[in-house]
Amino acid sequence: MAKVKLTKNELKKQKDALKMFQRYLPTLMLKKQQLQAEIRAVEMRVKELRAEKERIDNSFKAWIAVFGEKGVFTADILKITKLVLTEGNIAGVPIPIFEGADFAITPYSLIEKPLWLDSAVQNMKQALLIDLEADVMEEQQRRLEAELRTTTQRVNLFEKIKIPESKQNIKKIQVYLGDEQTAAVVRGKISKRAMEKRAG
């Protein structure tokens, strides 16, 4: 803690600082609560997406053996051509928002390929969309958690250090200035008595 000047100017400075800390603390606490609520909402959405992905994976398992048919399902049949994101803002934190994705499906012969291939491509597309959205949601969560850590540090700094420090400095300066004023009154009375003695 820096040494505090015991002056009226420093008293005003400390009172102004205390007012500022007390004015911003509720805003920081509100931001902290908002971030915590948003993080919980994102976590819930990620859980929902992961559960949906697991459901799709389980439905794949029922007929996964047909994927093994030679030359039917190739890795390049479905490709992501564009990830569509927009920029959002939660409590002052810029976050990516998943809007969707564009896919390219390699053309294939409906006569030469089995009937189930259309369904498999659609299921793969759905699974990829879920994975992409979950990845974006996890990035949102990382950014919100980083901001929450910073906001929590600020709340703690104001609550546990700056506000008590300012109050302590104000009290110390007020006591000193009060003592100085009392001493000045006493000196004045002593001087007055001395002058009266000399005059009388």
N, C-alpha and C. Protein backbone atom coordinates (compact mmCIF):
# COMPACT_ATOMS: atom_id res chain seq x y z
N MET A 1 0.84 -1.19 0.00
CA MET A 1 0.00 0.00 0.00
C MET A 1 0.88 1.24 0.00
N ALA A 2 0.62 2.17 -0.91
CA ALA A 2 1.40 3.40 -1.03
C ALA A 2 1.13 4.30 0.17
N LYS A 3 2.17 5.07 0.51
CA LYS A 3 2.03 6.02 1.63
C LYS A 3 1.04 7.11 1.22
N VAL A 4 0.11 7.41 2.12
CA VAL A 4 -0.96 8.38 1.83
C VAL A 4 -0.58 9.73 2.42
N LYS A 5 -0.77 10.77 1.62
CA LYS A 5 -0.54 12.14 2.12
C LYS A 5 -1.69 12.49 3.04
N LEU A 6 -1.39 13.14 4.15
CA LEU A 6 -2.42 13.49 5.13
C LEU A 6 -2.87 14.94 4.91
N THR A 7 -3.52 15.15 3.75
CA THR A 7 -3.95 16.50 3.37
C THR A 7 -5.42 16.48 2.96
N LYS A 8 -6.01 17.69 2.88
CA LYS A 8 -7.41 17.80 2.45
C LYS A 8 -7.57 17.37 0.98
N ASN A 9 -6.58 17.70 0.16
CA ASN A 9 -6.64 17.29 -1.25
C ASN A 9 -6.64 15.76 -1.37
N GLU A 10 -5.80 15.11 -0.56
CA GLU A 10 -5.74 13.64 -0.59
C GLU A 10 -7.05 13.06 -0.06
N LEU A 11 -7.64 13.70 0.93
CA LEU A 11 -8.93 13.24 1.47
C LEU A 11 -10.00 13.26 0.36
N LYS A 12 -10.04 14.37 -0.39
CA LYS A 12 -11.00 14.48 -1.50
C LYS A 12 -10.72 13.40 -2.54
N LYS A 13 -9.44 13.20 -2.86
CA LYS A 13 -9.06 12.19 -3.85
C LYS A 13 -9.50 10.79 -3.40
N GLN A 14 -9.30 10.46 -2.14
CA GLN A 14 -9.68 9.15 -1.60
C GLN A 14 -11.21 8.98 -1.60
N LYS A 15 -11.93 10.06 -1.24
CA LYS A 15 -13.40 9.99 -1.24
C LYS A 15 -13.94 9.79 -2.66
N ASP A 16 -13.33 10.48 -3.63
CA ASP A 16 -13.74 10.33 -5.04
C ASP A 16 -13.47 8.90 -5.52
N ALA A 17 -12.30 8.37 -5.14
CA ALA A 17 -11.95 7.00 -5.54
C ALA A 17 -12.94 6.00 -4.93
N LEU A 18 -13.28 6.19 -3.66
CA LEU A 18 -14.23 5.30 -2.98
C LEU A 18 -15.59 5.34 -3.68
N LYS A 19 -16.06 6.56 -4.03
CA LYS A 19 -17.34 6.69 -4.74
C LYS A 19 -17.30 5.92 -6.05
N MET A 20 -16.19 6.06 -6.79
CA MET A 20 -16.06 5.39 -8.07
C MET A 20 -16.10 3.87 -7.90
N PHE A 21 -15.34 3.35 -6.92
CA PHE A 21 -15.30 1.90 -6.67
C PHE A 21 -16.70 1.39 -6.30
N GLN A 22 -17.39 2.16 -5.45
CA GLN A 22 -18.72 1.75 -5.01
C GLN A 22 -19.76 1.86 -6.13
N ARG A 23 -19.53 2.77 -7.07
CA ARG A 23 -20.45 2.92 -8.20
C ARG A 23 -20.26 1.78 -9.21
N TYR A 24 -19.00 1.37 -9.46
CA TYR A 24 -18.73 0.34 -10.47
C TYR A 24 -18.88 -1.08 -9.95
N LEU A 25 -18.75 -1.29 -8.65
CA LEU A 25 -18.83 -2.65 -8.09
C LEU A 25 -20.16 -3.34 -8.43
N PRO A 26 -21.33 -2.69 -8.24
CA PRO A 26 -22.58 -3.38 -8.59
C PRO A 26 -22.66 -3.76 -10.08
N THR A 27 -22.11 -2.89 -10.95
CA THR A 27 -22.10 -3.20 -12.39
C THR A 27 -21.26 -4.43 -12.66
N LEU A 28 -20.10 -4.49 -12.02
CA LEU A 28 -19.22 -5.66 -12.19
C LEU A 28 -19.87 -6.92 -11.65
N MET A 29 -20.55 -6.80 -10.52
CA MET A 29 -21.22 -7.97 -9.94
C MET A 29 -22.35 -8.45 -10.84
N LEU A 30 -23.07 -7.51 -11.44
CA LEU A 30 -24.15 -7.86 -12.37
C LEU A 30 -23.58 -8.56 -13.61
N LYS A 31 -22.47 -8.03 -14.10
CA LYS A 31 -21.81 -8.65 -15.26
C LYS A 31 -21.35 -10.07 -14.91
N LYS A 32 -20.82 -10.24 -13.72
CA LYS A 32 -20.37 -11.57 -13.28
C LYS A 32 -21.55 -12.55 -13.26
N GLN A 33 -22.69 -12.11 -12.71
CA GLN A 33 -23.88 -12.97 -12.66
C GLN A 33 -24.38 -13.30 -14.07
N GLN A 34 -24.37 -12.30 -14.95
CA GLN A 34 -24.83 -12.51 -16.33
C GLN A 34 -23.91 -13.52 -17.03
N LEU A 35 -22.61 -13.38 -16.85
CA LEU A 35 -21.67 -14.32 -17.47
C LEU A 35 -21.88 -15.73 -16.94
N GLN A 36 -22.09 -15.86 -15.63
CA GLN A 36 -22.31 -17.19 -15.04
C GLN A 36 -23.58 -17.83 -15.63
N ALA A 37 -24.63 -17.03 -15.78
CA ALA A 37 -25.89 -17.55 -16.34
C ALA A 37 -25.70 -17.97 -17.80
N GLU A 38 -24.98 -17.15 -18.56
CA GLU A 38 -24.74 -17.47 -19.98
C GLU A 38 -23.89 -18.72 -20.12
N ILE A 39 -22.89 -18.88 -19.25
CA ILE A 39 -22.04 -20.07 -19.30
C ILE A 39 -22.86 -21.32 -19.02
N ARG A 40 -23.77 -21.23 -18.03
CA ARG A 40 -24.64 -22.38 -17.74
C ARG A 40 -25.52 -22.72 -18.95
N ALA A 41 -26.06 -21.69 -19.60
CA ALA A 41 -26.91 -21.90 -20.78
C ALA A 41 -26.12 -22.55 -21.92
N VAL A 42 -24.90 -22.10 -22.13
CA VAL A 42 -24.05 -22.67 -23.19
C VAL A 42 -23.72 -24.12 -22.86
N GLU A 43 -23.38 -24.38 -21.59
CA GLU A 43 -23.07 -25.76 -21.17
C GLU A 43 -24.26 -26.69 -21.43
N MET A 44 -25.48 -26.20 -21.13
CA MET A 44 -26.68 -27.01 -21.36
C MET A 44 -26.86 -27.28 -22.85
N ARG A 45 -26.65 -26.27 -23.67
CA ARG A 45 -26.80 -26.44 -25.13
C ARG A 45 -25.77 -27.44 -25.66
N VAL A 46 -24.54 -27.36 -25.17
CA VAL A 46 -23.50 -28.31 -25.61
C VAL A 46 -23.90 -29.73 -25.21
N LYS A 47 -24.43 -29.89 -23.99
CA LYS A 47 -24.89 -31.22 -23.55
C LYS A 47 -25.99 -31.75 -24.46
N GLU A 48 -26.95 -30.87 -24.80
CA GLU A 48 -28.04 -31.27 -25.71
C GLU A 48 -27.49 -31.71 -27.06
N LEU A 49 -26.54 -30.92 -27.58
CA LEU A 49 -25.96 -31.25 -28.89
C LEU A 49 -25.21 -32.58 -28.85
N ARG A 50 -24.44 -32.79 -27.76
CA ARG A 50 -23.68 -34.04 -27.63
C ARG A 50 -24.64 -35.23 -27.50
N ALA A 51 -25.76 -35.05 -26.80
CA ALA A 51 -26.75 -36.13 -26.67
C ALA A 51 -27.39 -36.42 -28.02
N GLU A 52 -27.70 -35.38 -28.79
CA GLU A 52 -28.28 -35.55 -30.12
C GLU A 52 -27.29 -36.27 -31.04
N LYS A 53 -26.02 -35.89 -30.94
CA LYS A 53 -24.98 -36.54 -31.77
C LYS A 53 -24.86 -38.02 -31.40
N GLU A 54 -24.95 -38.31 -30.11
CA GLU A 54 -24.88 -39.71 -29.67
C GLU A 54 -26.07 -40.50 -30.20
N ARG A 55 -27.25 -39.86 -30.22
CA ARG A 55 -28.43 -40.53 -30.77
C ARG A 55 -28.24 -40.85 -32.25
N ILE A 56 -27.68 -39.89 -32.99
CA ILE A 56 -27.42 -40.12 -34.42
C ILE A 56 -26.38 -41.23 -34.60
N ASP A 57 -25.32 -41.17 -33.79
CA ASP A 57 -24.28 -42.21 -33.86
C ASP A 57 -24.86 -43.59 -33.60
N ASN A 58 -25.76 -43.66 -32.61
CA ASN A 58 -26.38 -44.96 -32.29
C ASN A 58 -27.27 -45.45 -33.43
N SER A 59 -27.95 -44.51 -34.11
CA SER A 59 -28.78 -44.93 -35.24
C SER A 59 -27.89 -45.40 -36.40
N PHE A 60 -26.69 -44.82 -36.53
CA PHE A 60 -25.73 -45.27 -37.54
C PHE A 60 -25.27 -46.70 -37.25
N LYS A 61 -25.07 -46.99 -35.99
CA LYS A 61 -24.54 -48.31 -35.61
C LYS A 61 -25.44 -49.44 -36.08
N ALA A 62 -26.74 -49.15 -36.17
CA ALA A 62 -27.70 -50.18 -36.58
C ALA A 62 -27.45 -50.64 -38.02
N TRP A 63 -26.91 -49.77 -38.87
CA TRP A 63 -26.67 -50.18 -40.25
C TRP A 63 -25.29 -49.77 -40.76
N ILE A 64 -24.31 -49.67 -39.83
CA ILE A 64 -22.95 -49.27 -40.18
C ILE A 64 -22.25 -50.27 -41.10
N ALA A 65 -22.65 -51.53 -41.02
CA ALA A 65 -21.99 -52.57 -41.81
C ALA A 65 -22.09 -52.28 -43.30
N VAL A 66 -23.18 -51.66 -43.73
CA VAL A 66 -23.33 -51.39 -45.17
C VAL A 66 -22.33 -50.35 -45.67
N PHE A 67 -21.76 -49.55 -44.73
CA PHE A 67 -20.75 -48.58 -45.14
C PHE A 67 -19.49 -49.29 -45.66
N GLY A 68 -19.35 -50.53 -45.26
CA GLY A 68 -18.17 -51.30 -45.66
C GLY A 68 -18.24 -51.81 -47.10
N GLU A 69 -19.39 -51.69 -47.73
CA GLU A 69 -19.50 -52.13 -49.12
C GLU A 69 -18.52 -51.34 -49.97
N LYS A 70 -17.75 -52.04 -50.74
CA LYS A 70 -16.67 -51.44 -51.52
C LYS A 70 -17.19 -50.35 -52.48
N GLY A 71 -16.58 -49.15 -52.37
CA GLY A 71 -16.87 -48.06 -53.28
C GLY A 71 -18.21 -47.38 -53.12
N VAL A 72 -18.97 -47.74 -52.10
CA VAL A 72 -20.29 -47.12 -51.93
C VAL A 72 -20.18 -45.76 -51.26
N PHE A 73 -19.57 -45.73 -50.08
CA PHE A 73 -19.47 -44.49 -49.32
C PHE A 73 -18.00 -44.09 -49.25
N THR A 74 -17.63 -43.00 -49.92
CA THR A 74 -16.23 -42.55 -49.90
C THR A 74 -16.14 -41.27 -49.09
N ALA A 75 -14.94 -41.00 -48.59
CA ALA A 75 -14.72 -39.85 -47.70
C ALA A 75 -15.03 -38.52 -48.38
N ASP A 76 -14.88 -38.46 -49.70
CA ASP A 76 -15.08 -37.19 -50.39
C ASP A 76 -16.52 -36.97 -50.86
N ILE A 77 -17.43 -37.84 -50.49
CA ILE A 77 -18.81 -37.70 -50.97
C ILE A 77 -19.51 -36.48 -50.35
N LEU A 78 -19.10 -36.11 -49.11
CA LEU A 78 -19.70 -34.96 -48.42
C LEU A 78 -18.58 -34.08 -47.87
N LYS A 79 -18.58 -32.81 -48.29
CA LYS A 79 -17.54 -31.88 -47.83
C LYS A 79 -18.19 -30.59 -47.33
N ILE A 80 -17.58 -30.01 -46.33
CA ILE A 80 -18.02 -28.70 -45.83
C ILE A 80 -17.35 -27.66 -46.72
N THR A 81 -18.15 -26.81 -47.35
CA THR A 81 -17.58 -25.77 -48.21
C THR A 81 -17.50 -24.43 -47.50
N LYS A 82 -18.40 -24.23 -46.53
CA LYS A 82 -18.40 -22.93 -45.83
C LYS A 82 -19.05 -23.07 -44.47
N LEU A 83 -18.36 -22.52 -43.48
CA LEU A 83 -18.91 -22.45 -42.12
C LEU A 83 -19.51 -21.05 -41.98
N VAL A 84 -20.78 -20.97 -41.64
CA VAL A 84 -21.47 -19.68 -41.56
C VAL A 84 -21.56 -19.25 -40.10
N LEU A 85 -20.80 -18.20 -39.78
CA LEU A 85 -20.76 -17.66 -38.41
C LEU A 85 -21.09 -16.18 -38.45
N THR A 86 -21.71 -15.70 -37.40
CA THR A 86 -21.87 -14.26 -37.21
C THR A 86 -21.22 -13.92 -35.87
N GLU A 87 -21.06 -12.64 -35.64
CA GLU A 87 -20.43 -12.18 -34.40
C GLU A 87 -21.53 -11.68 -33.47
N GLY A 88 -21.54 -12.18 -32.25
CA GLY A 88 -22.49 -11.73 -31.25
C GLY A 88 -21.77 -11.07 -30.10
N ASN A 89 -22.54 -10.67 -29.10
CA ASN A 89 -21.95 -9.99 -27.96
C ASN A 89 -22.77 -10.33 -26.72
N ILE A 90 -22.10 -10.88 -25.72
CA ILE A 90 -22.75 -11.16 -24.45
C ILE A 90 -21.94 -10.46 -23.36
N ALA A 91 -22.57 -9.52 -22.67
CA ALA A 91 -21.94 -8.78 -21.57
C ALA A 91 -20.60 -8.18 -22.01
N GLY A 92 -20.58 -7.67 -23.24
CA GLY A 92 -19.36 -7.02 -23.73
C GLY A 92 -18.32 -7.98 -24.30
N VAL A 93 -18.65 -9.27 -24.36
CA VAL A 93 -17.70 -10.27 -24.86
C VAL A 93 -18.10 -10.64 -26.30
N PRO A 94 -17.20 -10.41 -27.27
CA PRO A 94 -17.52 -10.82 -28.64
C PRO A 94 -17.48 -12.35 -28.75
N ILE A 95 -18.54 -12.93 -29.29
CA ILE A 95 -18.60 -14.39 -29.42
C ILE A 95 -19.05 -14.78 -30.82
N PRO A 96 -18.57 -15.95 -31.29
CA PRO A 96 -19.07 -16.44 -32.57
C PRO A 96 -20.44 -17.08 -32.39
N ILE A 97 -21.31 -16.89 -33.35
CA ILE A 97 -22.63 -17.51 -33.32
C ILE A 97 -22.77 -18.39 -34.56
N PHE A 98 -23.12 -19.64 -34.34
CA PHE A 98 -23.25 -20.61 -35.42
C PHE A 98 -24.55 -20.37 -36.17
N GLU A 99 -24.44 -20.16 -37.47
CA GLU A 99 -25.62 -19.94 -38.31
C GLU A 99 -25.88 -21.12 -39.24
N GLY A 100 -24.87 -21.98 -39.40
CA GLY A 100 -25.04 -23.14 -40.27
C GLY A 100 -23.77 -23.41 -41.05
N ALA A 101 -23.90 -24.26 -42.03
CA ALA A 101 -22.75 -24.59 -42.88
C ALA A 101 -23.28 -24.98 -44.26
N ASP A 102 -22.44 -24.74 -45.25
CA ASP A 102 -22.77 -25.15 -46.61
C ASP A 102 -21.97 -26.41 -46.92
N PHE A 103 -22.61 -27.34 -47.61
CA PHE A 103 -21.97 -28.61 -47.95
C PHE A 103 -21.96 -28.81 -49.45
N ALA A 104 -20.98 -29.55 -49.90
CA ALA A 104 -20.94 -30.00 -51.30
C ALA A 104 -21.06 -31.51 -51.28
N ILE A 105 -22.00 -32.00 -52.03
CA ILE A 105 -22.18 -33.45 -52.14
C ILE A 105 -21.69 -33.84 -53.53
N THR A 106 -20.70 -34.71 -53.56
CA THR A 106 -20.17 -35.18 -54.83
C THR A 106 -21.29 -35.95 -55.55
N PRO A 107 -21.58 -35.56 -56.78
CA PRO A 107 -22.67 -36.26 -57.50
C PRO A 107 -22.37 -37.76 -57.63
N TYR A 108 -23.40 -38.54 -57.48
CA TYR A 108 -23.26 -39.99 -57.64
C TYR A 108 -24.45 -40.54 -58.41
N SER A 109 -24.25 -41.68 -59.00
CA SER A 109 -25.30 -42.29 -59.82
C SER A 109 -26.34 -42.93 -58.92
N LEU A 110 -27.59 -42.54 -59.10
CA LEU A 110 -28.67 -43.11 -58.31
C LEU A 110 -28.94 -44.57 -58.71
N ILE A 111 -28.49 -44.94 -59.90
CA ILE A 111 -28.69 -46.30 -60.36
C ILE A 111 -27.61 -47.22 -59.81
N GLU A 112 -26.36 -46.74 -59.83
CA GLU A 112 -25.23 -47.58 -59.40
C GLU A 112 -25.09 -47.67 -57.88
N LYS A 113 -25.51 -46.64 -57.15
CA LYS A 113 -25.34 -46.62 -55.69
C LYS A 113 -26.61 -47.16 -55.03
N PRO A 114 -26.46 -47.75 -53.84
CA PRO A 114 -27.63 -48.29 -53.13
C PRO A 114 -28.58 -47.18 -52.66
N LEU A 115 -29.82 -47.54 -52.40
CA LEU A 115 -30.85 -46.60 -51.98
C LEU A 115 -30.53 -45.92 -50.65
N TRP A 116 -29.85 -46.64 -49.76
CA TRP A 116 -29.59 -46.09 -48.42
C TRP A 116 -28.57 -44.95 -48.43
N LEU A 117 -27.86 -44.76 -49.54
CA LEU A 117 -26.80 -43.75 -49.58
C LEU A 117 -27.36 -42.33 -49.35
N ASP A 118 -28.53 -42.01 -49.92
CA ASP A 118 -29.13 -40.68 -49.69
C ASP A 118 -29.37 -40.44 -48.21
N SER A 119 -29.92 -41.43 -47.55
CA SER A 119 -30.18 -41.32 -46.11
C SER A 119 -28.88 -41.19 -45.32
N ALA A 120 -27.87 -41.95 -45.71
CA ALA A 120 -26.57 -41.89 -45.02
C ALA A 120 -25.94 -40.51 -45.17
N VAL A 121 -26.02 -39.94 -46.36
CA VAL A 121 -25.46 -38.61 -46.60
C VAL A 121 -26.19 -37.57 -45.74
N GLN A 122 -27.51 -37.65 -45.67
CA GLN A 122 -28.28 -36.70 -44.85
C GLN A 122 -27.94 -36.84 -43.36
N ASN A 123 -27.80 -38.10 -42.90
CA ASN A 123 -27.43 -38.32 -41.50
C ASN A 123 -26.02 -37.80 -41.21
N MET A 124 -25.10 -38.01 -42.14
CA MET A 124 -23.74 -37.49 -41.96
C MET A 124 -23.75 -35.97 -41.92
N LYS A 125 -24.55 -35.38 -42.78
CA LYS A 125 -24.68 -33.92 -42.81
C LYS A 125 -25.20 -33.41 -41.46
N GLN A 126 -26.23 -34.06 -40.95
CA GLN A 126 -26.80 -33.67 -39.66
C GLN A 126 -25.77 -33.83 -38.54
N ALA A 127 -25.02 -34.92 -38.55
CA ALA A 127 -24.00 -35.16 -37.52
C ALA A 127 -22.90 -34.10 -37.59
N LEU A 128 -22.50 -33.74 -38.81
CA LEU A 128 -21.47 -32.70 -38.98
C LEU A 128 -21.97 -31.35 -38.48
N LEU A 129 -23.22 -31.02 -38.79
CA LEU A 129 -23.79 -29.75 -38.32
C LEU A 129 -23.79 -29.68 -36.79
N ILE A 130 -24.15 -30.79 -36.16
CA ILE A 130 -24.16 -30.84 -34.69
C ILE A 130 -22.76 -30.64 -34.14
N ASP A 131 -21.78 -31.34 -34.73
CA ASP A 131 -20.38 -31.19 -34.29
C ASP A 131 -19.89 -29.76 -34.45
N LEU A 132 -20.21 -29.15 -35.59
CA LEU A 132 -19.78 -27.77 -35.85
C LEU A 132 -20.41 -26.80 -34.85
N GLU A 133 -21.71 -26.96 -34.61
CA GLU A 133 -22.38 -26.07 -33.65
C GLU A 133 -21.81 -26.26 -32.25
N ALA A 134 -21.57 -27.51 -31.86
CA ALA A 134 -20.99 -27.78 -30.53
C ALA A 134 -19.61 -27.16 -30.40
N ASP A 135 -18.80 -27.22 -31.46
CA ASP A 135 -17.46 -26.61 -31.43
C ASP A 135 -17.56 -25.10 -31.24
N VAL A 136 -18.51 -24.48 -31.94
CA VAL A 136 -18.70 -23.02 -31.82
C VAL A 136 -19.19 -22.67 -30.42
N MET A 137 -20.11 -23.48 -29.89
CA MET A 137 -20.61 -23.24 -28.53
C MET A 137 -19.49 -23.37 -27.50
N GLU A 138 -18.60 -24.34 -27.71
CA GLU A 138 -17.47 -24.51 -26.79
C GLU A 138 -16.52 -23.32 -26.86
N GLU A 139 -16.37 -22.73 -28.05
CA GLU A 139 -15.56 -21.52 -28.19
C GLU A 139 -16.22 -20.36 -27.45
N GLN A 140 -17.56 -20.26 -27.56
CA GLN A 140 -18.29 -19.25 -26.79
C GLN A 140 -18.00 -19.42 -25.30
N GLN A 141 -18.08 -20.67 -24.85
CA GLN A 141 -17.86 -20.96 -23.43
C GLN A 141 -16.46 -20.56 -23.00
N ARG A 142 -15.45 -20.86 -23.82
CA ARG A 142 -14.06 -20.48 -23.48
C ARG A 142 -13.94 -18.97 -23.32
N ARG A 143 -14.52 -18.24 -24.27
CA ARG A 143 -14.43 -16.77 -24.20
C ARG A 143 -15.17 -16.21 -22.99
N LEU A 144 -16.36 -16.74 -22.72
CA LEU A 144 -17.14 -16.26 -21.57
C LEU A 144 -16.44 -16.59 -20.26
N GLU A 145 -15.83 -17.78 -20.17
CA GLU A 145 -15.12 -18.16 -18.95
C GLU A 145 -13.89 -17.28 -18.73
N ALA A 146 -13.19 -16.92 -19.81
CA ALA A 146 -12.03 -16.03 -19.69
C ALA A 146 -12.48 -14.66 -19.16
N GLU A 147 -13.59 -14.15 -19.70
CA GLU A 147 -14.12 -12.86 -19.24
C GLU A 147 -14.61 -12.96 -17.79
N LEU A 148 -15.20 -14.11 -17.44
CA LEU A 148 -15.67 -14.30 -16.07
C LEU A 148 -14.50 -14.26 -15.09
N ARG A 149 -13.39 -14.89 -15.46
CA ARG A 149 -12.20 -14.85 -14.58
C ARG A 149 -11.73 -13.41 -14.36
N THR A 150 -11.67 -12.64 -15.45
CA THR A 150 -11.24 -11.23 -15.36
C THR A 150 -12.21 -10.43 -14.51
N THR A 151 -13.50 -10.61 -14.74
CA THR A 151 -14.52 -9.86 -13.99
C THR A 151 -14.49 -10.23 -12.51
N THR A 152 -14.32 -11.52 -12.21
CA THR A 152 -14.24 -11.97 -10.82
C THR A 152 -13.02 -11.35 -10.14
N GLN A 153 -11.90 -11.28 -10.85
CA GLN A 153 -10.70 -10.65 -10.29
C GLN A 153 -10.96 -9.17 -9.97
N ARG A 154 -11.68 -8.49 -10.87
CA ARG A 154 -11.99 -7.07 -10.63
C ARG A 154 -12.93 -6.90 -9.44
N VAL A 155 -13.94 -7.76 -9.37
CA VAL A 155 -14.88 -7.70 -8.24
C VAL A 155 -14.10 -7.89 -6.94
N ASN A 156 -13.24 -8.90 -6.90
CA ASN A 156 -12.45 -9.17 -5.70
C ASN A 156 -11.52 -8.01 -5.38
N LEU A 157 -10.91 -7.42 -6.41
CA LEU A 157 -10.01 -6.28 -6.21
C LEU A 157 -10.77 -5.12 -5.57
N PHE A 158 -11.95 -4.81 -6.11
CA PHE A 158 -12.74 -3.70 -5.57
C PHE A 158 -13.24 -4.02 -4.17
N GLU A 159 -13.83 -5.22 -4.02
CA GLU A 159 -14.47 -5.61 -2.76
C GLU A 159 -13.47 -5.80 -1.62
N LYS A 160 -12.38 -6.49 -1.91
CA LYS A 160 -11.47 -6.93 -0.84
C LYS A 160 -10.26 -6.03 -0.65
N ILE A 161 -9.93 -5.19 -1.67
CA ILE A 161 -8.72 -4.38 -1.54
C ILE A 161 -9.02 -2.89 -1.66
N LYS A 162 -9.54 -2.46 -2.82
CA LYS A 162 -9.66 -1.03 -3.09
C LYS A 162 -10.65 -0.30 -2.16
N ILE A 163 -11.84 -0.86 -1.97
CA ILE A 163 -12.84 -0.19 -1.11
C ILE A 163 -12.36 -0.15 0.34
N PRO A 164 -11.92 -1.28 0.94
CA PRO A 164 -11.42 -1.21 2.33
C PRO A 164 -10.20 -0.28 2.47
N GLU A 165 -9.31 -0.29 1.46
CA GLU A 165 -8.12 0.55 1.49
C GLU A 165 -8.51 2.03 1.48
N SER A 166 -9.46 2.39 0.61
CA SER A 166 -9.91 3.78 0.54
C SER A 166 -10.57 4.21 1.85
N LYS A 167 -11.42 3.34 2.40
CA LYS A 167 -12.08 3.66 3.68
C LYS A 167 -11.05 3.87 4.79
N GLN A 168 -10.05 3.00 4.81
CA GLN A 168 -9.00 3.10 5.83
C GLN A 168 -8.21 4.40 5.66
N ASN A 169 -7.88 4.75 4.42
CA ASN A 169 -7.14 5.99 4.15
C ASN A 169 -7.96 7.22 4.54
N ILE A 170 -9.26 7.21 4.23
CA ILE A 170 -10.14 8.33 4.58
C ILE A 170 -10.17 8.51 6.10
N LYS A 171 -10.34 7.40 6.81
CA LYS A 171 -10.39 7.46 8.28
C LYS A 171 -9.07 8.01 8.85
N LYS A 172 -7.96 7.52 8.31
CA LYS A 172 -6.64 7.95 8.78
C LYS A 172 -6.43 9.45 8.55
N ILE A 173 -6.81 9.93 7.35
CA ILE A 173 -6.65 11.35 7.03
C ILE A 173 -7.58 12.20 7.90
N GLN A 174 -8.84 11.73 8.08
CA GLN A 174 -9.79 12.49 8.91
C GLN A 174 -9.31 12.60 10.35
N VAL A 175 -8.76 11.51 10.89
CA VAL A 175 -8.23 11.54 12.26
C VAL A 175 -7.07 12.53 12.35
N TYR A 176 -6.17 12.46 11.38
CA TYR A 176 -5.00 13.37 11.38
C TYR A 176 -5.45 14.82 11.28
N LEU A 177 -6.37 15.10 10.32
CA LEU A 177 -6.82 16.48 10.14
C LEU A 177 -7.60 16.97 11.37
N GLY A 178 -8.36 16.07 12.01
CA GLY A 178 -9.08 16.42 13.25
C GLY A 178 -8.10 16.76 14.36
N ASP A 179 -7.06 15.93 14.49
CA ASP A 179 -6.02 16.20 15.50
C ASP A 179 -5.33 17.53 15.23
N GLU A 180 -5.03 17.81 13.96
CA GLU A 180 -4.38 19.07 13.58
C GLU A 180 -5.27 20.26 13.94
N GLN A 181 -6.57 20.12 13.67
CA GLN A 181 -7.51 21.20 13.96
C GLN A 181 -7.60 21.44 15.47
N THR A 182 -7.66 20.35 16.25
CA THR A 182 -7.71 20.45 17.71
C THR A 182 -6.44 21.12 18.24
N ALA A 183 -5.30 20.69 17.69
CA ALA A 183 -4.02 21.27 18.11
C ALA A 183 -3.97 22.76 17.79
N ALA A 184 -4.52 23.14 16.62
CA ALA A 184 -4.53 24.56 16.23
C ALA A 184 -5.40 25.36 17.19
N VAL A 185 -6.53 24.82 17.60
CA VAL A 185 -7.42 25.51 18.56
C VAL A 185 -6.69 25.68 19.89
N VAL A 186 -6.04 24.60 20.35
CA VAL A 186 -5.31 24.66 21.63
C VAL A 186 -4.21 25.71 21.55
N ARG A 187 -3.44 25.69 20.44
CA ARG A 187 -2.37 26.69 20.28
C ARG A 187 -2.93 28.11 20.29
N GLY A 188 -4.09 28.27 19.65
CA GLY A 188 -4.73 29.59 19.61
C GLY A 188 -5.12 30.06 21.00
N LYS A 189 -5.67 29.15 21.82
CA LYS A 189 -6.08 29.51 23.18
C LYS A 189 -4.86 29.87 24.02
N ILE A 190 -3.79 29.08 23.86
CA ILE A 190 -2.56 29.35 24.62
C ILE A 190 -2.01 30.72 24.24
N SER A 191 -2.00 31.03 22.95
CA SER A 191 -1.50 32.33 22.48
C SER A 191 -2.37 33.47 23.02
N LYS A 192 -3.69 33.24 23.05
CA LYS A 192 -4.61 34.28 23.52
C LYS A 192 -4.34 34.56 25.00
N ARG A 193 -4.16 33.47 25.79
CA ARG A 193 -3.88 33.64 27.22
C ARG A 193 -2.57 34.41 27.44
N ALA A 194 -1.57 34.02 26.65
CA ALA A 194 -0.26 34.68 26.77
C ALA A 194 -0.37 36.17 26.45
N MET A 195 -1.15 36.48 25.44
CA MET A 195 -1.32 37.89 25.06
C MET A 195 -2.08 38.66 26.16
N GLU A 196 -3.10 37.97 26.75
CA GLU A 196 -3.88 38.60 27.82
C GLU A 196 -3.01 38.88 29.04
N LYS A 197 -2.08 37.90 29.37
CA LYS A 197 -1.19 38.09 30.51
C LYS A 197 -0.28 39.28 30.30
N ARG A 198 0.25 39.40 29.08
CA ARG A 198 1.16 40.50 28.77
C ARG A 198 0.42 41.84 28.84
N ALA A 199 -0.81 41.84 28.38
CA ALA A 199 -1.60 43.07 28.33
C ALA A 199 -2.05 43.46 29.77
N GLY A 200 -2.31 42.43 30.61
CA GLY A 200 -2.90 42.70 31.90
C GLY A 200 -1.96 42.84 32.98
